[in-house]
Amino acid sequence: MLRYILYFGAVFLIADHVFTHWGPEIINWLASKFMGREVTVVEGAPYRESLIDKVIHSVRDKLEGDRR
């Protein structure tokens, strides 16, 4: 049971990371393919952070704070 919870967590983190960084591009690409012309359905924010990015930044900040 614990294994399935860990799998679910890993899949959730990967899906969050992929959607955060490439979600609007994927959605617009799929919509363009279905419409047969270039369309923009979703406009992405200039900078977005996924959960993985936030954890990496917080660990990096904590490590830099410990070095000082």
C-alpha atoms as a PDB file:
ATOM      1  CA  MET A   1       0.000   0.000   0.000  1.00  0.00           C
ATOM      2  CA  LEU A   2       2.827   2.409   0.840  1.00  0.00           C
ATOM      3  CA  ARG A   3       4.368   1.655  -2.538  1.00  0.00           C
ATOM      4  CA  TYR A   4       1.190   2.829  -4.325  1.00  0.00           C
ATOM      5  CA  ILE A   5       1.092   6.012  -2.266  1.00  0.00           C
ATOM      6  CA  LEU A   6       4.713   6.727  -3.232  1.00  0.00           C
ATOM      7  CA  TYR A   7       3.923   6.002  -6.898  1.00  0.00           C
ATOM      8  CA  PHE A   8       0.947   8.348  -6.760  1.00  0.00           C
ATOM      9  CA  GLY A   9       3.078  11.073  -5.195  1.00  0.00           C
ATOM     10  CA  ALA A  10       5.798  10.655  -7.833  1.00  0.00           C
ATOM     11  CA  VAL A  11       3.262  10.765 -10.677  1.00  0.00           C
ATOM     12  CA  PHE A  12       1.645  13.854  -9.150  1.00  0.00           C
ATOM     13  CA  LEU A  13       4.995  15.665  -8.863  1.00  0.00           C
ATOM     14  CA  ILE A  14       5.982  14.779 -12.434  1.00  0.00           C
ATOM     15  CA  ALA A  15       2.579  15.812 -13.812  1.00  0.00           C
ATOM     16  CA  ASP A  16       2.733  19.099 -11.880  1.00  0.00           C
ATOM     17  CA  HIS A  17       6.227  19.819 -13.211  1.00  0.00           C
ATOM     18  CA  VAL A  18       5.316  19.000 -16.831  1.00  0.00           C
ATOM     19  CA  PHE A  19       2.063  20.962 -16.727  1.00  0.00           C
ATOM     20  CA  THR A  20       3.665  23.967 -15.052  1.00  0.00           C
ATOM     21  CA  HIS A  21       6.474  24.288 -17.577  1.00  0.00           C
ATOM     22  CA  TRP A  22       4.931  22.969 -20.793  1.00  0.00           C
ATOM     23  CA  GLY A  23       1.161  22.872 -20.144  1.00  0.00           C
ATOM     24  CA  PRO A  24       0.095  25.925 -22.166  1.00  0.00           C
ATOM     25  CA  GLU A  25       2.311  24.912 -25.095  1.00  0.00           C
ATOM     26  CA  ILE A  26       0.866  21.384 -25.111  1.00  0.00           C
ATOM     27  CA  ILE A  27      -2.725  22.645 -24.845  1.00  0.00           C
ATOM     28  CA  ASN A  28      -2.231  25.199 -27.639  1.00  0.00           C
ATOM     29  CA  TRP A  29      -0.517  22.587 -29.830  1.00  0.00           C
ATOM     30  CA  LEU A  30      -3.382  20.110 -29.365  1.00  0.00           C
ATOM     31  CA  ALA A  31      -5.992  22.801 -30.029  1.00  0.00           C
ATOM     32  CA  SER A  32      -4.136  23.889 -33.168  1.00  0.00           C
ATOM     33  CA  LYS A  33      -4.043  20.309 -34.448  1.00  0.00           C
ATOM     34  CA  PHE A  34      -7.791  19.858 -33.882  1.00  0.00           C
ATOM     35  CA  MET A  35      -8.708  23.222 -35.428  1.00  0.00           C
ATOM     36  CA  GLY A  36      -6.339  22.844 -38.374  1.00  0.00           C
ATOM     37  CA  ARG A  37      -4.890  26.313 -37.850  1.00  0.00           C
ATOM     38  CA  GLU A  38      -2.745  28.104 -35.275  1.00  0.00           C
ATOM     39  CA  VAL A  39      -4.833  29.033 -32.225  1.00  0.00           C
ATOM     40  CA  THR A  40      -3.989  30.264 -28.741  1.00  0.00           C
ATOM     41  CA  VAL A  41      -6.270  28.864 -26.069  1.00  0.00           C
ATOM     42  CA  VAL A  42      -4.087  29.380 -23.006  1.00  0.00           C
ATOM     43  CA  GLU A  43      -1.442  32.013 -22.464  1.00  0.00           C
ATOM     44  CA  GLY A  44       1.239  31.014 -20.003  1.00  0.00           C
ATOM     45  CA  ALA A  45       2.695  33.210 -17.328  1.00  0.00           C
ATOM     46  CA  PRO A  46       6.280  34.341 -18.020  1.00  0.00           C
ATOM     47  CA  TYR A  47       7.697  32.476 -15.015  1.00  0.00           C
ATOM     48  CA  ARG A  48       6.052  29.663 -13.125  1.00  0.00           C
ATOM     49  CA  GLU A  49       7.379  27.315 -10.461  1.00  0.00           C
ATOM     50  CA  SER A  50       6.314  23.734  -9.923  1.00  0.00           C
ATOM     51  CA  LEU A  51       6.445  22.019  -6.556  1.00  0.00           C
ATOM     52  CA  ILE A  52       9.771  20.440  -7.486  1.00  0.00           C
ATOM     53  CA  ASP A  53      11.217  23.868  -8.331  1.00  0.00           C
ATOM     54  CA  LYS A  54       9.984  25.331  -5.037  1.00  0.00           C
ATOM     55  CA  VAL A  55      11.543  22.491  -3.034  1.00  0.00           C
ATOM     56  CA  ILE A  56      14.854  22.824  -4.882  1.00  0.00           C
ATOM     57  CA  HIS A  57      14.936  26.594  -4.277  1.00  0.00           C
ATOM     58  CA  SER A  58      14.097  26.229  -0.589  1.00  0.00           C
ATOM     59  CA  VAL A  59      16.789  23.558  -0.082  1.00  0.00           C
ATOM     60  CA  ARG A  60      19.318  25.678  -1.968  1.00  0.00           C
ATOM     61  CA  ASP A  61      18.457  28.743   0.152  1.00  0.00           C
ATOM     62  CA  LYS A  62      18.709  26.735   3.359  1.00  0.00           C
ATOM     63  CA  LEU A  63      22.087  25.297   2.352  1.00  0.00           C
ATOM     64  CA  GLU A  64      23.400  28.751   1.431  1.00  0.00           C
ATOM     65  CA  GLY A  65      22.170  30.070   4.787  1.00  0.00           C
ATOM     66  CA  ASP A  66      24.005  27.282   6.645  1.00  0.00           C
ATOM     67  CA  ARG A  67      27.267  28.017   4.808  1.00  0.00           C
ATOM     68  CA  ARG A  68      27.263  31.647   5.952  1.00  0.00           C
END
